[in-house]
Structures are given as C-alpha cells and as structure tokens.
Protein backbone atom coordinates (compact mmCIF):
# COMPACT_ATOMS: atom_id res chain seq x y z
CA MET A 1 35.45 23.57 22.89
CA SER A 2 34.59 26.47 20.84
CA LEU A 3 31.31 27.38 19.35
CA LEU A 4 32.39 26.76 15.92
CA ASP A 5 33.66 23.43 16.84
CA TYR A 6 29.60 22.58 17.77
CA PHE A 7 28.33 23.89 14.31
CA LYS A 8 30.88 21.57 12.72
CA THR A 9 30.22 17.92 14.18
CA LYS A 10 27.39 16.30 12.41
CA LYS A 11 25.26 13.05 13.59
CA LYS A 12 25.91 10.28 11.94
CA PRO A 13 22.34 9.26 10.77
CA ASN A 14 21.08 5.80 12.24
CA THR A 15 21.77 3.16 9.36
CA ALA A 16 18.83 0.62 10.16
CA SER A 17 16.20 3.25 9.04
CA THR A 18 18.92 4.72 6.31
CA ALA A 19 18.18 0.87 5.45
CA LYS A 20 14.98 0.22 5.60
CA GLU A 21 14.34 3.94 3.53
CA ARG A 22 15.85 2.98 0.91
CA LEU A 23 14.01 -0.31 1.08
CA GLN A 24 10.71 1.18 0.48
CA ILE A 25 12.02 2.79 -2.41
CA ILE A 26 12.96 -0.30 -3.55
CA VAL A 27 10.00 -1.87 -3.16
CA ALA A 28 7.37 0.87 -4.07
CA HIS A 29 9.74 1.28 -7.59
CA GLN A 30 9.33 -2.58 -7.99
CA ARG A 31 5.47 -2.64 -7.45
CA GLY A 32 4.84 0.75 -10.20
CA GLU A 33 7.06 -1.57 -12.52
CA ARG A 34 4.30 -4.16 -12.50
CA ASP A 35 1.73 -4.07 -14.88
CA ALA A 36 -0.48 -6.34 -13.70
CA PRO A 37 -0.53 -7.21 -9.78
CA ASP A 38 -0.19 -10.84 -8.99
CA TYR A 39 -1.47 -9.98 -5.54
CA PHE A 40 -4.54 -8.64 -6.61
CA PRO A 41 -6.57 -11.94 -6.33
CA GLN A 42 -5.50 -13.04 -2.98
CA MET A 43 -6.31 -9.64 -1.60
CA LYS A 44 -10.10 -9.07 -3.52
CA GLN A 45 -10.87 -12.60 -1.70
CA GLU A 46 -9.82 -11.31 1.57
CA ILE A 47 -11.49 -8.20 1.53
CA ILE A 48 -15.16 -10.43 0.81
CA GLU A 49 -13.89 -12.47 4.05
CA VAL A 50 -13.58 -9.04 6.42
CA ILE A 51 -17.15 -7.88 4.47
CA ARG A 52 -18.59 -10.87 5.32
CA LYS A 53 -17.73 -10.86 8.96
CA TYR A 54 -19.36 -7.72 9.15
CA VAL A 55 -22.21 -8.00 6.90
CA GLN A 56 -24.12 -10.80 5.16
CA VAL A 57 -23.75 -10.80 1.50
CA ASP A 58 -23.29 -12.46 -1.58
CA THR A 59 -20.32 -12.88 -3.58
CA ASP A 60 -22.22 -11.27 -6.40
CA GLN A 61 -22.85 -8.02 -5.02
CA ILE A 62 -19.51 -6.91 -4.45
CA SER A 63 -17.29 -5.74 -7.09
CA VAL A 64 -13.42 -5.25 -6.40
CA GLN A 65 -11.92 -3.47 -9.47
CA LEU A 66 -8.12 -2.23 -9.75
CA ASP A 67 -7.31 0.39 -12.24
CA GLN A 68 -3.92 1.53 -13.46
CA ASN A 69 -3.70 5.26 -14.51
CA ASP A 70 -1.36 6.36 -17.27
CA ASP A 71 1.34 7.94 -14.66
CA ARG A 72 1.38 5.09 -12.61
CA LEU A 73 -0.94 5.47 -10.42
CA SER A 74 -3.59 2.69 -9.01
CA VAL A 75 -7.22 2.63 -8.08
CA LEU A 76 -8.33 0.36 -5.62
CA GLU A 77 -12.33 0.23 -6.45
CA LEU A 78 -15.32 -1.75 -4.21
CA ASN A 79 -18.80 -1.67 -4.20
CA VAL A 80 -21.11 -3.53 -1.98
CA THR A 81 -24.83 -4.08 -2.13
CA LEU A 82 -25.77 -4.16 1.28
CA PRO A 83 -29.01 -5.74 2.23
CA GLU A 84 -31.32 -4.03 3.70
CA LYS A 85 -32.52 -4.50 6.88
C-alpha cells in the first residue's frame, strides 16, 4: 500500500446519521413555513403545570406569548408573577 492510496480512500458516512440530519432539516423547514403553531396551546398548558409543581401560582399570574419576526424567528415570552414569602 502506497502513501497515495491512503489519501485516496474515503470513509462512507453512516447512512443512519445522514438520514437523521436530513430529517432534522426537513422538520425545521416545515416548522418555519407554518403561520400558527398548532402545538402552542398544549405547550402553554404544560409550562403552567411545570411551574405549579414548584410554586403555587394562579393562571392569571402567568403570561405566555409567541411572537414571530419577519426573519422567521419565533420568540417565546414567559412572564410569571411569583408570590412573596
């Protein structure tokens, strides 16, 4: 085996990791195309439930908003008024 043969050989990429990367790109692209996320109400409820596990808070003291910029960036804003001890 010559030194040039060593540099010519290329390892084939793992097909499972390639498929995973492609699927992540497709999912990210599809999420960017949706105007109104259908998962938002459920996500909001789950966030409220997690907060209630640790702190007794009324629902009106929690505000969850999703803002979308023109650059197709989404910002999740969460405001919680915590009770004083």
